[in-house]
Amino acid sequence: MKKIASLLLLATILLSACHKDDKDEPVPINNQKKNYTIHRFVWETMRDYYYWNSNIPAHLDFSKFNTPKDVFEYFLYPEDRFSAIMNNYTEADNHLNNIYVTDGIYYLLDTDRLNSDNVVAYVQYVYKNSPGEAAGIKRGDVITKVNKQTLNKTNYKSLLSLDSYTLTYSKLSVPNGIWAAREYYDTEYTSPLITKKSMDIDPVLQVSTHEIDGHKIGYFLYDSFDDGTESLTQAFKKLQSDQITELVLDLRINGGGYISTLEKIASMIVPAGNEGKILIQTEVNPILAKMLKEENQDPNSYFSAQDTHLNINKLYVLTSYQTASASEELISGLQPYMDVVLIGTPTYGKYTTNLLINDNYDQGFDSDGISYSEWALYLVVGVCKNSAGEMNFKDGFTPDYLLPDFFESSLGNVEEPLFAKAISLITGNQAPIAKRAKIATANDYSFIGALEKPFYKQNLTIKRPNTRQ
């Protein structure tokens, strides 16, 4: 999800902004020996680019703030769930490109059904060629112990952050589709030693075509809107060559990515004749709007002409609470142009455009010896609306068919409940899932959080010089 072609200019603007003359904000005389360059970077960046910048002054006495984090938190808008400050820019930059040290197990954390002080991890997906796959961990497993220590609300973060461990797990069972009756303690298994490794994960996890009752149904499981689009293009070429009549896009574990990739995939899906039309409008603060106008830059995203294009008029999207940011923008951006049917549980509600930016020219060091160039802001620079002017996912999307994912079948299996529901809607035939009770919003999972690919706040959205959703 990279672009805001318009925000390609942000790199130039930000680099110059980081090295303005200091005449507009002299360092207080009694603190001339203290280096406030990183404080200045945080203040200037927030003043000029932060969407909620109305309370950020034109001048600031840096001596009142001990750390750059203090500056950031002082001006953080109370309702902002998505901005963050960090001192590990290089690591975050790698994470943006789907490169990170991991066991390859995507799991969701929840309190233990039998003991509310304990924590369990429901395995939603295991990446191919990962340490987790090699250890035999599968979707539907429930992890209860790490190194034979029971996970609880005090230790789960530290235990799951270890580089090597064994996992104790059981198989999940959900009798009659009733989540409250779930069971997972019948038989316990212990994995061999799992050691995390650096992985560069291809975001195209599965692509397949299923001929059912005269329909050619494409299935596409997409992990993230990574900036590498070669495998994405090849996946759509396959679906095009298969002459699919409908597409089921599985975004259950997709938390976002680059805007350029969002534009590409949306342009390959949207009905023909919409090239050049608005996909997503990005509303920015007046200072940034003025900068963009002066540079003749456009903050909006548009559909583009693509060599590969699917000839479909309806899209089925499988969702979860992990469906966020660019995934939600894809749904919102396509809705004015085609029928988009959502199946699953409500999405996250990441409606902002963020920028991950550091001052990579600052050679100073903080009191812990960390280079100032490693300090970075993950900053909300805009909010997103579709071509109809709708910010229709601020609280997440509620699916048209509200159905739970109990991790029962492998993703992409035609009998997996959410995919089966999509197939039943396409073919008009009753699917097994139709006999299951729908999940009520009030009865939805109360997960502590998700641990899989690393993320900051909820999902990284922009990488300099390009924009990421």
Protein backbone atom coordinates (compact mmCIF):
# COMPACT_ATOMS: atom_id res chain seq x y z
CA MET A 1 0.00 0.00 0.00
CA LYS A 2 2.42 2.48 -0.89
CA LYS A 3 1.56 5.66 -2.64
CA ILE A 4 -0.11 8.71 -2.24
CA ALA A 5 1.79 9.52 -5.30
CA SER A 6 1.01 12.90 -4.01
CA LEU A 7 2.94 12.17 -0.89
CA LEU A 8 6.02 11.16 -2.78
CA LEU A 9 6.84 14.74 -2.09
CA LEU A 10 6.75 14.16 1.65
CA ALA A 11 10.24 12.76 1.55
CA THR A 12 11.63 15.99 0.13
CA ILE A 13 9.55 18.16 2.41
CA LEU A 14 10.39 16.16 5.51
CA LEU A 15 14.09 16.04 4.80
CA SER A 16 14.18 19.79 4.42
CA ALA A 17 11.91 20.29 7.42
CA CYS A 18 14.32 18.39 9.61
CA HIS A 19 17.10 20.83 8.87
CA LYS A 20 15.50 24.24 8.90
CA ASP A 21 17.39 27.15 10.33
CA ASP A 22 16.89 27.26 14.05
CA LYS A 23 16.19 30.98 14.04
CA ASP A 24 12.43 30.39 14.44
CA GLU A 25 12.96 28.53 17.73
CA PRO A 26 16.15 29.34 19.67
CA VAL A 27 17.25 26.87 22.30
CA PRO A 28 16.79 28.41 25.78
CA ILE A 29 20.00 30.04 27.02
CA ASN A 30 20.12 27.95 30.18
CA ASN A 31 20.06 24.74 28.13
CA GLN A 32 22.45 25.56 25.30
CA LYS A 33 24.61 22.53 26.13
CA LYS A 34 21.76 20.07 25.77
CA ASN A 35 21.01 18.60 22.34
CA TYR A 36 17.34 19.04 21.54
CA THR A 37 17.50 18.10 17.85
CA ILE A 38 15.33 15.00 18.25
CA HIS A 39 12.82 16.98 20.33
CA ARG A 40 12.74 19.51 17.51
CA PHE A 41 12.22 16.77 14.94
CA VAL A 42 9.18 15.42 16.81
CA TRP A 43 7.68 18.89 17.30
CA GLU A 44 8.25 20.09 13.72
CA THR A 45 6.96 16.87 12.18
CA MET A 46 3.81 16.89 14.30
CA ARG A 47 3.27 20.60 13.74
CA ASP A 48 3.44 20.32 9.96
CA TYR A 49 2.09 16.83 9.20
CA TYR A 50 -0.03 15.59 12.11
CA TYR A 51 -3.71 15.51 11.15
CA TRP A 52 -4.74 16.82 14.58
CA ASN A 53 -2.21 19.66 14.76
CA SER A 54 -4.47 22.55 15.79
CA ASN A 55 -3.02 22.72 19.34
CA ILE A 56 0.65 22.48 18.33
CA PRO A 57 2.33 25.89 18.75
CA ALA A 58 4.62 27.63 16.27
CA HIS A 59 7.31 27.80 19.00
CA LEU A 60 8.20 25.41 21.79
CA ASP A 61 10.46 25.50 24.86
CA PHE A 62 12.11 22.08 24.61
CA SER A 63 13.62 22.36 28.10
CA LYS A 64 10.19 21.50 29.51
CA PHE A 65 10.38 17.99 28.03
CA ASN A 66 12.77 15.30 29.24
CA THR A 67 12.47 12.98 26.24
CA PRO A 68 11.17 13.13 22.65
CA LYS A 69 8.44 10.75 23.78
CA ASP A 70 7.26 13.43 26.21
CA VAL A 71 6.94 15.88 23.31
CA PHE A 72 4.97 13.35 21.29
CA GLU A 73 2.60 12.42 24.11
CA TYR A 74 1.99 16.05 25.06
CA PHE A 75 0.52 16.78 21.61
CA LEU A 76 -1.14 13.42 20.98
CA TYR A 77 -4.82 13.84 20.16
CA PRO A 78 -6.91 12.01 22.82
CA GLU A 79 -8.87 9.97 20.25
CA ASP A 80 -5.80 9.00 18.23
CA ARG A 81 -5.44 5.20 18.42
CA PHE A 82 -2.94 4.92 15.61
CA SER A 83 0.04 7.24 16.09
CA ALA A 84 3.15 6.10 17.96
CA ILE A 85 6.75 7.00 18.60
CA MET A 86 9.55 4.42 18.55
CA ASN A 87 13.34 4.18 18.70
CA ASN A 88 13.82 1.18 16.38
CA TYR A 89 13.25 2.63 12.91
CA THR A 90 15.42 0.08 11.07
CA GLU A 91 13.50 -2.83 12.55
CA ALA A 92 10.18 -1.15 11.80
CA ASP A 93 11.27 -0.49 8.22
CA ASN A 94 11.98 -4.22 7.78
CA HIS A 95 8.60 -5.09 9.27
CA LEU A 96 6.94 -2.91 6.65
CA ASN A 97 8.39 -5.18 4.01
CA ASN A 98 7.23 -8.40 5.67
CA ILE A 99 10.71 -9.24 6.95
CA TYR A 100 10.88 -10.16 10.62
CA VAL A 101 12.01 -12.75 13.11
CA THR A 102 9.10 -15.07 13.83
CA ASP A 103 7.96 -18.60 14.57
CA GLY A 104 5.43 -18.21 11.76
CA ILE A 105 2.43 -18.78 14.00
CA TYR A 106 -0.40 -16.25 13.66
CA TYR A 107 -2.43 -16.51 16.83
CA LEU A 108 -5.12 -14.63 18.71
CA LEU A 109 -4.94 -14.19 22.45
CA ASP A 110 -7.90 -14.57 24.75
CA THR A 111 -8.55 -15.30 28.40
CA ASP A 112 -8.81 -18.98 29.29
CA ARG A 113 -12.41 -20.17 29.37
CA LEU A 114 -11.93 -21.94 32.71
CA ASN A 115 -9.59 -19.48 34.44
CA SER A 116 -9.87 -15.76 33.65
CA ASP A 117 -6.37 -15.09 35.00
CA ASN A 118 -4.83 -17.34 32.38
CA VAL A 119 -4.32 -16.69 28.68
CA VAL A 120 -4.56 -18.99 25.66
CA ALA A 121 -3.49 -18.47 22.05
CA TYR A 122 -5.82 -19.67 19.28
CA VAL A 123 -3.81 -20.51 16.18
CA GLN A 124 -5.45 -18.88 13.17
CA TYR A 125 -2.76 -19.53 10.58
CA VAL A 126 0.72 -21.04 10.29
CA TYR A 127 3.00 -19.74 7.55
CA LYS A 128 4.60 -22.19 5.16
CA ASN A 129 8.25 -23.09 5.70
CA SER A 130 8.16 -21.57 9.17
CA PRO A 131 9.48 -23.01 12.45
CA GLY A 132 5.88 -23.37 13.62
CA GLU A 133 4.94 -25.46 10.60
CA ALA A 134 8.02 -27.62 11.03
CA ALA A 135 6.98 -28.22 14.65
CA GLY A 136 3.55 -29.47 13.57
CA ILE A 137 1.49 -26.52 14.83
CA LYS A 138 -1.75 -26.15 12.86
CA ARG A 139 -4.72 -23.84 12.56
CA GLY A 140 -7.20 -24.71 15.31
CA ASP A 141 -4.56 -25.54 17.92
CA VAL A 142 -4.83 -23.79 21.28
CA ILE A 143 -1.54 -22.92 22.96
CA THR A 144 -1.75 -22.98 26.75
CA LYS A 145 1.89 -23.22 27.90
CA VAL A 146 5.33 -22.01 26.83
CA ASN A 147 8.30 -24.00 28.15
CA LYS A 148 5.75 -25.82 30.32
CA GLN A 149 4.72 -22.57 32.03
CA THR A 150 1.01 -21.78 31.89
CA LEU A 151 0.34 -18.51 30.09
CA ASN A 152 -1.28 -15.85 32.24
CA LYS A 153 -1.92 -12.12 32.07
CA THR A 154 1.40 -11.39 33.78
CA ASN A 155 3.80 -13.61 31.85
CA TYR A 156 2.33 -14.17 28.38
CA LYS A 157 4.18 -11.28 26.72
CA SER A 158 7.60 -12.27 28.03
CA LEU A 159 7.11 -15.98 27.34
CA LEU A 160 5.86 -15.50 23.80
CA SER A 161 8.70 -13.06 23.10
CA LEU A 162 11.38 -15.68 23.72
CA ASP A 163 13.53 -16.66 20.74
CA SER A 164 13.22 -20.41 21.43
CA TYR A 165 10.64 -22.47 23.29
CA THR A 166 8.44 -25.51 23.36
CA LEU A 167 4.68 -25.11 23.15
CA THR A 168 2.00 -27.08 24.95
CA TYR A 169 -1.22 -27.11 22.97
CA SER A 170 -4.54 -28.86 22.50
CA LYS A 171 -7.12 -29.10 19.72
CA LEU A 172 -10.03 -26.66 19.72
CA SER A 173 -13.58 -28.00 19.64
CA VAL A 174 -16.68 -25.80 19.41
CA PRO A 175 -19.73 -28.04 20.04
CA ASN A 176 -22.76 -27.07 17.93
CA GLY A 177 -21.05 -23.81 16.95
CA ILE A 178 -21.44 -22.36 20.45
CA TRP A 179 -18.29 -20.44 21.32
CA ALA A 180 -19.09 -20.32 25.04
CA ALA A 181 -18.98 -24.15 25.08
CA ARG A 182 -15.55 -24.37 23.44
CA GLU A 183 -13.23 -27.11 24.67
CA TYR A 184 -9.48 -27.62 24.31
CA TYR A 185 -8.17 -29.55 27.30
CA ASP A 186 -8.93 -33.15 26.31
CA THR A 187 -5.46 -34.09 25.06
CA GLU A 188 -2.29 -32.03 25.46
CA TYR A 189 0.62 -32.10 23.00
CA THR A 190 4.12 -30.74 23.39
CA SER A 191 5.99 -29.41 20.39
CA PRO A 192 9.68 -29.95 19.70
CA LEU A 193 11.90 -26.94 20.34
CA ILE A 194 10.83 -24.01 18.14
CA THR A 195 13.44 -21.38 17.30
CA LYS A 196 12.31 -18.21 15.59
CA LYS A 197 14.02 -17.18 12.37
CA SER A 198 14.04 -14.24 10.01
CA MET A 199 11.42 -14.71 7.31
CA ASP A 200 10.57 -12.71 4.21
CA ILE A 201 6.97 -13.78 3.75
CA ASP A 202 5.29 -13.73 0.35
CA PRO A 203 1.90 -12.05 1.04
CA VAL A 204 0.16 -14.22 -1.57
CA LEU A 205 -0.64 -17.19 0.65
CA GLN A 206 -3.14 -19.04 -1.52
CA VAL A 207 -4.76 -18.62 -4.93
CA SER A 208 -7.08 -21.23 -6.44
CA THR A 209 -10.06 -21.67 -8.72
CA HIS A 210 -13.06 -23.90 -7.92
CA GLU A 211 -15.64 -24.95 -10.52
CA ILE A 212 -18.93 -25.39 -8.66
CA ASP A 213 -22.41 -25.59 -10.25
CA GLY A 214 -21.34 -23.76 -13.37
CA HIS A 215 -19.43 -21.06 -11.54
CA LYS A 216 -15.68 -20.55 -11.63
CA ILE A 217 -14.99 -19.22 -8.16
CA GLY A 218 -11.60 -17.70 -7.45
CA TYR A 219 -10.20 -17.81 -3.93
CA PHE A 220 -7.37 -15.48 -2.88
CA LEU A 221 -5.85 -15.48 0.63
CA TYR A 222 -3.84 -12.28 0.97
CA ASP A 223 -1.55 -11.64 3.95
CA SER A 224 -0.63 -7.95 3.57
CA PHE A 225 -0.44 -5.20 0.98
CA ASP A 226 3.32 -5.64 0.63
CA ASP A 227 5.24 -3.26 -1.62
CA GLY A 228 6.47 -6.16 -3.74
CA THR A 229 3.69 -6.79 -6.24
CA GLU A 230 5.17 -9.39 -8.59
CA SER A 231 3.50 -12.35 -6.86
CA LEU A 232 0.27 -10.35 -6.57
CA THR A 233 0.26 -9.73 -10.31
CA GLN A 234 0.98 -13.40 -11.04
CA ALA A 235 -1.90 -14.43 -8.76
CA PHE A 236 -4.34 -12.21 -10.65
CA LYS A 237 -2.99 -13.40 -13.99
CA LYS A 238 -3.82 -16.95 -12.89
CA LEU A 239 -7.34 -15.95 -11.86
CA GLN A 240 -7.77 -14.11 -15.15
CA SER A 241 -6.53 -17.04 -17.21
CA ASP A 242 -8.89 -19.33 -15.28
CA GLN A 243 -11.71 -17.00 -16.37
CA ILE A 244 -13.21 -16.81 -12.91
CA THR A 245 -16.78 -15.55 -12.67
CA GLU A 246 -16.62 -14.56 -8.98
CA LEU A 247 -13.81 -13.74 -6.54
CA VAL A 248 -13.65 -14.54 -2.83
CA LEU A 249 -10.94 -12.38 -1.28
CA ASP A 250 -9.86 -13.62 2.15
CA LEU A 251 -8.55 -10.69 4.22
CA ARG A 252 -8.99 -12.27 7.65
CA ILE A 253 -5.32 -11.89 8.56
CA ASN A 254 -4.56 -8.81 6.46
CA GLY A 255 -3.84 -5.74 8.56
CA GLY A 256 -2.81 -3.31 5.84
CA GLY A 257 0.10 -2.24 3.73
CA TYR A 258 1.15 0.12 0.98
CA ILE A 259 -1.19 2.46 -0.87
CA SER A 260 0.40 1.71 -4.25
CA THR A 261 -0.45 -1.97 -3.73
CA LEU A 262 -3.97 -1.04 -2.64
CA GLU A 263 -4.36 0.91 -5.89
CA LYS A 264 -3.02 -1.98 -7.95
CA ILE A 265 -5.26 -4.69 -6.52
CA ALA A 266 -8.32 -2.40 -6.56
CA SER A 267 -7.62 -1.52 -10.20
CA MET A 268 -7.46 -5.20 -11.16
CA ILE A 269 -10.82 -5.86 -9.44
CA VAL A 270 -12.97 -2.79 -10.20
CA PRO A 271 -15.26 -3.14 -13.26
CA ALA A 272 -13.77 -1.85 -16.50
CA GLY A 273 -14.18 1.80 -17.40
CA ASN A 274 -13.25 3.26 -14.01
CA GLU A 275 -9.61 4.05 -14.74
CA GLY A 276 -8.68 7.49 -13.45
CA LYS A 277 -11.58 7.69 -11.00
CA ILE A 278 -11.04 8.27 -7.28
CA LEU A 279 -10.41 5.21 -5.13
CA ILE A 280 -9.70 6.93 -1.80
CA GLN A 281 -9.72 10.59 -0.78
CA THR A 282 -7.22 11.58 1.91
CA GLU A 283 -8.05 14.62 4.03
CA VAL A 284 -4.95 16.30 5.54
CA ASN A 285 -4.33 19.28 7.79
CA PRO A 286 -4.25 22.83 6.29
CA ILE A 287 -0.45 23.15 6.52
CA LEU A 288 0.16 19.91 4.65
CA ALA A 289 -2.65 20.69 2.20
CA LYS A 290 -0.89 23.97 1.36
CA MET A 291 2.46 22.23 0.91
CA LEU A 292 0.92 19.65 -1.41
CA LYS A 293 -0.86 22.31 -3.43
CA GLU A 294 2.34 24.33 -3.83
CA GLU A 295 4.09 21.21 -5.14
CA ASN A 296 1.14 20.39 -7.42
CA GLN A 297 0.63 17.11 -5.56
CA ASP A 298 -2.65 15.25 -5.05
CA PRO A 299 -3.22 13.33 -1.80
CA ASN A 300 -5.95 11.16 -3.31
CA SER A 301 -5.63 7.65 -4.74
CA TYR A 302 -7.02 6.61 -8.11
CA PHE A 303 -7.81 3.50 -10.13
CA SER A 304 -5.22 2.89 -12.81
CA ALA A 305 -5.12 0.93 -16.06
CA GLN A 306 -3.77 -2.60 -15.55
CA ASP A 307 -2.71 -5.26 -18.03
CA THR A 308 -4.38 -7.84 -15.79
CA HIS A 309 -8.05 -7.27 -14.99
CA LEU A 310 -10.79 -9.53 -13.67
CA ASN A 311 -14.14 -9.38 -15.42
CA ILE A 312 -16.33 -9.48 -12.31
CA ASN A 313 -19.10 -7.27 -10.95
CA LYS A 314 -19.34 -8.61 -7.40
CA LEU A 315 -16.66 -9.22 -4.78
CA TYR A 316 -16.94 -11.41 -1.68
CA VAL A 317 -14.60 -10.46 1.18
CA LEU A 318 -13.95 -12.63 4.24
CA THR A 319 -13.22 -10.49 7.31
CA SER A 320 -12.20 -10.51 10.96
CA TYR A 321 -11.11 -8.04 13.62
CA GLN A 322 -7.61 -8.32 12.10
CA THR A 323 -8.91 -6.93 8.78
CA ALA A 324 -7.64 -3.38 8.98
CA SER A 325 -6.38 -0.26 7.26
CA ALA A 326 -5.75 -0.81 3.54
CA SER A 327 -7.96 -3.91 3.66
CA GLU A 328 -10.80 -1.71 4.87
CA GLU A 329 -9.92 0.99 2.34
CA LEU A 330 -10.14 -1.58 -0.44
CA ILE A 331 -13.66 -2.46 0.68
CA SER A 332 -14.69 1.18 1.10
CA GLY A 333 -13.05 2.32 -2.12
CA LEU A 334 -14.72 -0.37 -4.24
CA GLN A 335 -18.21 -0.03 -2.75
CA PRO A 336 -19.27 2.97 -4.90
CA TYR A 337 -18.31 1.01 -8.05
CA MET A 338 -19.45 -2.57 -7.43
CA ASP A 339 -21.28 -4.88 -5.05
CA VAL A 340 -18.99 -5.88 -2.18
CA VAL A 341 -20.35 -8.61 0.11
CA LEU A 342 -18.71 -9.01 3.54
CA ILE A 343 -18.71 -12.31 5.42
CA GLY A 344 -17.18 -12.89 8.85
CA THR A 345 -16.79 -10.74 11.94
CA PRO A 346 -16.45 -6.92 12.22
CA THR A 347 -13.25 -5.30 10.96
CA TYR A 348 -10.87 -3.18 13.02
CA GLY A 349 -11.65 0.39 11.96
CA LYS A 350 -8.27 1.78 10.86
CA TYR A 351 -9.46 4.82 8.93
CA THR A 352 -6.28 6.90 8.92
CA THR A 353 -3.28 7.35 6.65
CA ASN A 354 -0.03 7.25 8.60
CA LEU A 355 3.56 8.15 7.89
CA LEU A 356 6.57 6.33 9.31
CA ILE A 357 9.31 8.95 9.33
CA ASN A 358 12.70 9.40 10.95
CA ASP A 359 15.44 12.02 10.68
CA ASN A 360 18.13 9.85 9.16
CA TYR A 361 20.58 12.75 8.98
CA ASP A 362 20.70 13.31 12.74
CA GLN A 363 23.92 11.76 14.04
CA GLY A 364 23.20 12.45 17.71
CA PHE A 365 22.51 9.85 20.42
CA ASP A 366 20.05 9.77 23.29
CA SER A 367 20.94 9.06 26.91
CA ASP A 368 20.65 5.31 26.27
CA GLY A 369 23.11 5.44 23.40
CA ILE A 370 20.42 4.98 20.72
CA SER A 371 21.00 6.98 17.56
CA TYR A 372 18.55 9.80 17.02
CA SER A 373 18.14 8.50 13.47
CA GLU A 374 16.53 5.38 14.99
CA TRP A 375 13.82 7.49 16.59
CA ALA A 376 10.76 7.65 14.35
CA LEU A 377 7.18 8.81 14.35
CA TYR A 378 4.37 6.64 13.09
CA LEU A 379 2.07 9.58 12.58
CA VAL A 380 -1.51 10.04 11.41
CA VAL A 381 -1.25 12.50 8.52
CA GLY A 382 -4.75 12.10 7.11
CA VAL A 383 -8.13 10.42 7.31
CA CYS A 384 -9.64 8.40 4.48
CA LYS A 385 -12.93 8.64 2.62
CA ASN A 386 -14.16 6.90 -0.50
CA SER A 387 -15.22 8.64 -3.71
CA ALA A 388 -18.69 9.19 -2.26
CA GLY A 389 -17.13 11.13 0.62
CA GLU A 390 -17.97 8.39 3.11
CA MET A 391 -15.72 7.62 6.09
CA ASN A 392 -17.70 4.42 6.48
CA PHE A 393 -15.31 2.26 8.48
CA LYS A 394 -14.27 4.48 11.40
CA ASP A 395 -15.79 1.88 13.72
CA GLY A 396 -15.01 -1.01 11.39
CA PHE A 397 -17.31 -2.70 8.90
CA THR A 398 -20.11 -4.92 10.17
CA PRO A 399 -20.34 -7.82 7.69
CA ASP A 400 -23.45 -8.47 5.66
CA TYR A 401 -23.26 -12.03 6.99
CA LEU A 402 -22.00 -12.00 10.57
CA LEU A 403 -20.37 -15.38 11.05
CA PRO A 404 -17.66 -16.55 13.45
CA ASP A 405 -14.36 -18.12 12.52
CA PHE A 406 -13.77 -21.07 14.83
CA PHE A 407 -10.54 -22.13 13.09
CA GLU A 408 -12.12 -25.49 12.22
CA SER A 409 -10.92 -26.05 8.66
CA SER A 410 -7.88 -24.98 6.72
CA LEU A 411 -8.24 -21.69 4.90
CA GLY A 412 -9.09 -22.17 1.24
CA ASN A 413 -10.96 -25.43 1.89
CA VAL A 414 -14.40 -25.25 0.28
CA GLU A 415 -15.88 -26.65 3.49
CA GLU A 416 -14.29 -23.94 5.67
CA PRO A 417 -17.38 -22.11 7.03
CA LEU A 418 -16.74 -18.57 5.77
CA PHE A 419 -15.65 -19.70 2.32
CA ALA A 420 -18.55 -22.16 2.25
CA LYS A 421 -20.94 -19.30 2.97
CA ALA A 422 -19.55 -17.31 0.06
CA ILE A 423 -19.93 -20.33 -2.21
CA SER A 424 -23.53 -20.81 -1.09
CA LEU A 425 -24.33 -17.18 -1.88
CA ILE A 426 -22.78 -17.52 -5.33
CA THR A 427 -24.43 -20.80 -6.26
CA GLY A 428 -27.70 -20.30 -4.41
CA ASN A 429 -27.27 -23.64 -2.68
CA GLN A 430 -27.56 -24.14 1.06
CA ALA A 431 -24.13 -24.38 2.70
CA PRO A 432 -23.42 -26.26 5.93
CA ILE A 433 -22.63 -22.96 7.61
CA ALA A 434 -26.15 -21.73 6.99
CA LYS A 435 -27.31 -24.15 9.67
CA ARG A 436 -25.03 -22.59 12.26
CA ALA A 437 -26.19 -19.85 14.55
CA LYS A 438 -24.95 -16.41 13.61
CA ILE A 439 -22.62 -14.82 16.08
CA ALA A 440 -24.10 -11.88 17.94
CA THR A 441 -22.01 -8.72 18.21
CA ALA A 442 -22.31 -8.80 21.99
CA ASN A 443 -21.09 -12.38 21.95
CA ASP A 444 -18.02 -11.70 19.83
CA TYR A 445 -14.54 -12.66 20.98
CA SER A 446 -13.00 -10.41 23.61
CA PHE A 447 -9.44 -10.96 22.51
CA ILE A 448 -6.58 -9.39 24.42
CA GLY A 449 -4.88 -8.91 21.09
CA ALA A 450 -3.21 -10.54 18.14
CA LEU A 451 0.37 -11.68 17.89
CA GLU A 452 1.78 -12.58 14.49
CA LYS A 453 3.63 -10.19 12.27
CA PRO A 454 4.98 -7.37 14.43
CA PHE A 455 3.02 -4.13 14.40
CA TYR A 456 2.97 -0.76 16.11
CA LYS A 457 -0.30 0.43 17.55
CA GLN A 458 -2.47 -1.50 15.11
CA ASN A 459 -0.71 -1.56 11.78
CA LEU A 460 2.08 0.29 10.09
CA THR A 461 0.69 2.24 7.22
CA ILE A 462 3.34 4.32 5.52
CA LYS A 463 6.95 4.05 4.62
CA ARG A 464 8.93 7.07 3.48
CA PRO A 465 8.94 8.30 0.78
CA ASN A 466 5.76 6.47 -0.13
CA THR A 467 2.50 6.21 1.73
CA ARG A 468 1.29 3.07 3.44
CA GLN A 469 -2.23 2.36 4.68
